[in-house]
Amino acid sequence: MSLSVKPEDGEAVLFGKAVNELQSEVVVADDEVTGTLKYVNGYVEE
């Protein structure tokens, strides 16, 4: 199985938030994903 991914621009809006508000330093390389997913106070699934 193969999976192709690409990063979103930091200013792109996903789920009502800018990408850079949700994550930082996310890197997808080969079979490894590293970085930080930020906790957002009061953020709930819609």
PDB file of N, CA and C in Angstrom:
ATOM      1  N   MET A   1       0.835  -1.168   0.000  1.00  0.00           N
ATOM      2  CA  MET A   1       0.000   0.000   0.000  1.00  0.00           C
ATOM      3  C   MET A   1       0.885   1.238   0.000  1.00  0.00           C
ATOM      4  N   SER A   2       0.505   2.244  -0.757  1.00  0.00           N
ATOM      5  CA  SER A   2       1.262   3.492  -0.728  1.00  0.00           C
ATOM      6  C   SER A   2       0.311   4.651  -0.453  1.00  0.00           C
ATOM      7  N   LEU A   3       0.852   5.662   0.148  1.00  0.00           N
ATOM      8  CA  LEU A   3       0.078   6.834   0.511  1.00  0.00           C
ATOM      9  C   LEU A   3       0.884   8.061   0.121  1.00  0.00           C
ATOM     10  N   SER A   4       0.271   8.952  -0.605  1.00  0.00           N
ATOM     11  CA  SER A   4       0.948  10.168  -1.027  1.00  0.00           C
ATOM     12  C   SER A   4       0.362  11.351  -0.266  1.00  0.00           C
ATOM     13  N   VAL A   5       1.218  12.110   0.405  1.00  0.00           N
ATOM     14  CA  VAL A   5       0.757  13.267   1.163  1.00  0.00           C
ATOM     15  C   VAL A   5       1.600  14.481   0.809  1.00  0.00           C
ATOM     16  N   LYS A   6       1.016  15.652   1.018  1.00  0.00           N
ATOM     17  CA  LYS A   6       1.782  16.883   0.853  1.00  0.00           C
ATOM     18  C   LYS A   6       1.324  17.867   1.916  1.00  0.00           C
ATOM     19  N   PRO A   7       2.205  18.737   2.376  1.00  0.00           N
ATOM     20  CA  PRO A   7       1.838  19.665   3.436  1.00  0.00           C
ATOM     21  C   PRO A   7       0.908  20.767   2.944  1.00  0.00           C
ATOM     22  N   GLU A   8       0.075  21.256   3.832  1.00  0.00           N
ATOM     23  CA  GLU A   8      -0.755  22.414   3.544  1.00  0.00           C
ATOM     24  C   GLU A   8       0.059  23.670   3.832  1.00  0.00           C
ATOM     25  N   ASP A   9      -0.238  24.733   3.133  1.00  0.00           N
ATOM     26  CA  ASP A   9       0.365  26.022   3.428  1.00  0.00           C
ATOM     27  C   ASP A   9      -0.054  26.435   4.839  1.00  0.00           C
ATOM     28  N   GLY A  10       0.838  27.044   5.604  1.00  0.00           N
ATOM     29  CA  GLY A  10       0.555  27.431   6.983  1.00  0.00           C
ATOM     30  C   GLY A  10      -0.609  28.382   7.130  1.00  0.00           C
ATOM     31  N   GLU A  11      -0.916  29.120   6.081  1.00  0.00           N
ATOM     32  CA  GLU A  11      -2.025  30.071   6.131  1.00  0.00           C
ATOM     33  C   GLU A  11      -3.340  29.458   5.654  1.00  0.00           C
ATOM     34  N   ALA A  12      -3.298  28.248   5.136  1.00  0.00           N
ATOM     35  CA  ALA A  12      -4.521  27.585   4.674  1.00  0.00           C
ATOM     36  C   ALA A  12      -5.460  27.381   5.860  1.00  0.00           C
ATOM     37  N   VAL A  13      -6.754  27.434   5.618  1.00  0.00           N
ATOM     38  CA  VAL A  13      -7.735  27.264   6.680  1.00  0.00           C
ATOM     39  C   VAL A  13      -8.374  25.882   6.568  1.00  0.00           C
ATOM     40  N   LEU A  14      -8.256  25.113   7.634  1.00  0.00           N
ATOM     41  CA  LEU A  14      -8.866  23.789   7.732  1.00  0.00           C
ATOM     42  C   LEU A  14      -9.659  23.730   9.029  1.00  0.00           C
ATOM     43  N   PHE A  15     -10.876  23.243   8.967  1.00  0.00           N
ATOM     44  CA  PHE A  15     -11.724  23.126  10.150  1.00  0.00           C
ATOM     45  C   PHE A  15     -11.899  24.459  10.871  1.00  0.00           C
ATOM     46  N   GLY A  16     -11.874  25.566  10.105  1.00  0.00           N
ATOM     47  CA  GLY A  16     -12.091  26.886  10.687  1.00  0.00           C
ATOM     48  C   GLY A  16     -10.876  27.506  11.354  1.00  0.00           C
ATOM     49  N   LYS A  17      -9.715  26.881  11.257  1.00  0.00           N
ATOM     50  CA  LYS A  17      -8.480  27.399  11.853  1.00  0.00           C
ATOM     51  C   LYS A  17      -7.372  27.403  10.816  1.00  0.00           C
ATOM     52  N   ALA A  18      -6.468  28.369  10.926  1.00  0.00           N
ATOM     53  CA  ALA A  18      -5.284  28.375  10.054  1.00  0.00           C
ATOM     54  C   ALA A  18      -4.417  27.185  10.433  1.00  0.00           C
ATOM     55  N   VAL A  19      -3.810  26.555   9.447  1.00  0.00           N
ATOM     56  CA  VAL A  19      -2.976  25.373   9.684  1.00  0.00           C
ATOM     57  C   VAL A  19      -1.904  25.657  10.728  1.00  0.00           C
ATOM     58  N   ASN A  20      -1.279  26.841  10.674  1.00  0.00           N
ATOM     59  CA  ASN A  20      -0.210  27.131  11.637  1.00  0.00           C
ATOM     60  C   ASN A  20      -0.731  27.310  13.063  1.00  0.00           C
ATOM     61  N   GLU A  21      -2.060  27.390  13.263  1.00  0.00           N
ATOM     62  CA  GLU A  21      -2.638  27.399  14.606  1.00  0.00           C
ATOM     63  C   GLU A  21      -2.818  25.974  15.132  1.00  0.00           C
ATOM     64  N   LEU A  22      -2.821  25.001  14.239  1.00  0.00           N
ATOM     65  CA  LEU A  22      -3.085  23.616  14.611  1.00  0.00           C
ATOM     66  C   LEU A  22      -1.835  22.751  14.713  1.00  0.00           C
ATOM     67  N   GLN A  23      -0.766  23.134  14.025  1.00  0.00           N
ATOM     68  CA  GLN A  23       0.435  22.305  14.024  1.00  0.00           C
ATOM     69  C   GLN A  23       1.672  23.154  13.779  1.00  0.00           C
ATOM     70  N   SER A  24       2.838  22.608  14.115  1.00  0.00           N
ATOM     71  CA  SER A  24       4.094  23.286  13.816  1.00  0.00           C
ATOM     72  C   SER A  24       5.168  22.252  13.510  1.00  0.00           C
ATOM     73  N   GLU A  25       6.060  22.633  12.632  1.00  0.00           N
ATOM     74  CA  GLU A  25       7.222  21.813  12.262  1.00  0.00           C
ATOM     75  C   GLU A  25       6.860  20.376  11.898  1.00  0.00           C
ATOM     76  N   VAL A  26       5.746  20.192  11.199  1.00  0.00           N
ATOM     77  CA  VAL A  26       5.343  18.852  10.774  1.00  0.00           C
ATOM     78  C   VAL A  26       6.099  18.494   9.495  1.00  0.00           C
ATOM     79  N   VAL A  27       6.752  17.336   9.522  1.00  0.00           N
ATOM     80  CA  VAL A  27       7.525  16.856   8.385  1.00  0.00           C
ATOM     81  C   VAL A  27       7.085  15.434   8.067  1.00  0.00           C
ATOM     82  N   VAL A  28       6.790  15.187   6.804  1.00  0.00           N
ATOM     83  CA  VAL A  28       6.445  13.847   6.341  1.00  0.00           C
ATOM     84  C   VAL A  28       7.585  13.377   5.462  1.00  0.00           C
ATOM     85  N   ALA A  29       8.275  12.318   5.891  1.00  0.00           N
ATOM     86  CA  ALA A  29       9.417  11.811   5.131  1.00  0.00           C
ATOM     87  C   ALA A  29       9.394  10.290   5.159  1.00  0.00           C
ATOM     88  N   ASP A  30       9.396   9.695   3.976  1.00  0.00           N
ATOM     89  CA  ASP A  30       9.370   8.243   3.844  1.00  0.00           C
ATOM     90  C   ASP A  30       8.230   7.651   4.667  1.00  0.00           C
ATOM     91  N   ASP A  31       8.551   6.915   5.727  1.00  0.00           N
ATOM     92  CA  ASP A  31       7.509   6.266   6.527  1.00  0.00           C
ATOM     93  C   ASP A  31       7.402   6.877   7.923  1.00  0.00           C
ATOM     94  N   GLU A  32       7.786   8.152   8.053  1.00  0.00           N
ATOM     95  CA  GLU A  32       7.790   8.790   9.362  1.00  0.00           C
ATOM     96  C   GLU A  32       7.173  10.185   9.290  1.00  0.00           C
ATOM     97  N   VAL A  33       6.351  10.498  10.286  1.00  0.00           N
ATOM     98  CA  VAL A  33       5.763  11.832  10.421  1.00  0.00           C
ATOM     99  C   VAL A  33       6.204  12.379  11.764  1.00  0.00           C
ATOM    100  N   THR A  34       6.800  13.567  11.760  1.00  0.00           N
ATOM    101  CA  THR A  34       7.234  14.190  13.007  1.00  0.00           C
ATOM    102  C   THR A  34       6.683  15.613  13.074  1.00  0.00           C
ATOM    103  N   GLY A  35       6.642  16.157  14.259  1.00  0.00           N
ATOM    104  CA  GLY A  35       6.182  17.523  14.441  1.00  0.00           C
ATOM    105  C   GLY A  35       5.314  17.646  15.674  1.00  0.00           C
ATOM    106  N   THR A  36       4.672  18.796  15.800  1.00  0.00           N
ATOM    107  CA  THR A  36       3.848  19.088  16.965  1.00  0.00           C
ATOM    108  C   THR A  36       2.435  19.440  16.541  1.00  0.00           C
ATOM    109  N   LEU A  37       1.457  18.766  17.132  1.00  0.00           N
ATOM    110  CA  LEU A  37       0.059  19.130  16.956  1.00  0.00           C
ATOM    111  C   LEU A  37      -0.327  19.937  18.183  1.00  0.00           C
ATOM    112  N   LYS A  38      -0.823  21.140  17.963  1.00  0.00           N
ATOM    113  CA  LYS A  38      -1.103  22.053  19.064  1.00  0.00           C
ATOM    114  C   LYS A  38      -2.498  21.832  19.647  1.00  0.00           C
ATOM    115  N   TYR A  39      -2.579  21.893  20.966  1.00  0.00           N
ATOM    116  CA  TYR A  39      -3.862  21.849  21.641  1.00  0.00           C
ATOM    117  C   TYR A  39      -4.504  23.225  21.490  1.00  0.00           C
ATOM    118  N   VAL A  40      -5.761  23.258  21.084  1.00  0.00           N
ATOM    119  CA  VAL A  40      -6.456  24.519  20.902  1.00  0.00           C
ATOM    120  C   VAL A  40      -7.615  24.557  21.889  1.00  0.00           C
ATOM    121  N   ASN A  41      -7.530  25.445  22.877  1.00  0.00           N
ATOM    122  CA  ASN A  41      -8.571  25.584  23.892  1.00  0.00           C
ATOM    123  C   ASN A  41      -9.910  25.916  23.294  1.00  0.00           C
ATOM    124  N   GLY A  42     -10.947  25.213  23.707  1.00  0.00           N
ATOM    125  CA  GLY A  42     -12.298  25.508  23.249  1.00  0.00           C
ATOM    126  C   GLY A  42     -12.605  25.078  21.827  1.00  0.00           C
ATOM    127  N   TYR A  43     -11.708  24.349  21.208  1.00  0.00           N
ATOM    128  CA  TYR A  43     -11.899  23.903  19.820  1.00  0.00           C
ATOM    129  C   TYR A  43     -12.644  22.583  19.835  1.00  0.00           C
ATOM    130  N   VAL A  44     -13.787  22.521  19.159  1.00  0.00           N
ATOM    131  CA  VAL A  44     -14.572  21.296  19.125  1.00  0.00           C
ATOM    132  C   VAL A  44     -14.891  20.911  17.689  1.00  0.00           C
ATOM    133  N   GLU A  45     -15.084  19.633  17.478  1.00  0.00           N
ATOM    134  CA  GLU A  45     -15.447  19.126  16.153  1.00  0.00           C
ATOM    135  C   GLU A  45     -16.816  19.654  15.766  1.00  0.00           C
ATOM    136  N   GLU A  46     -16.959  20.037  14.506  1.00  0.00           N
ATOM    137  CA  GLU A  46     -18.254  20.517  14.015  1.00  0.00           C
ATOM    138  C   GLU A  46     -18.896  19.494  13.142  1.00  0.00           C
TER     139      GLU A  46
END
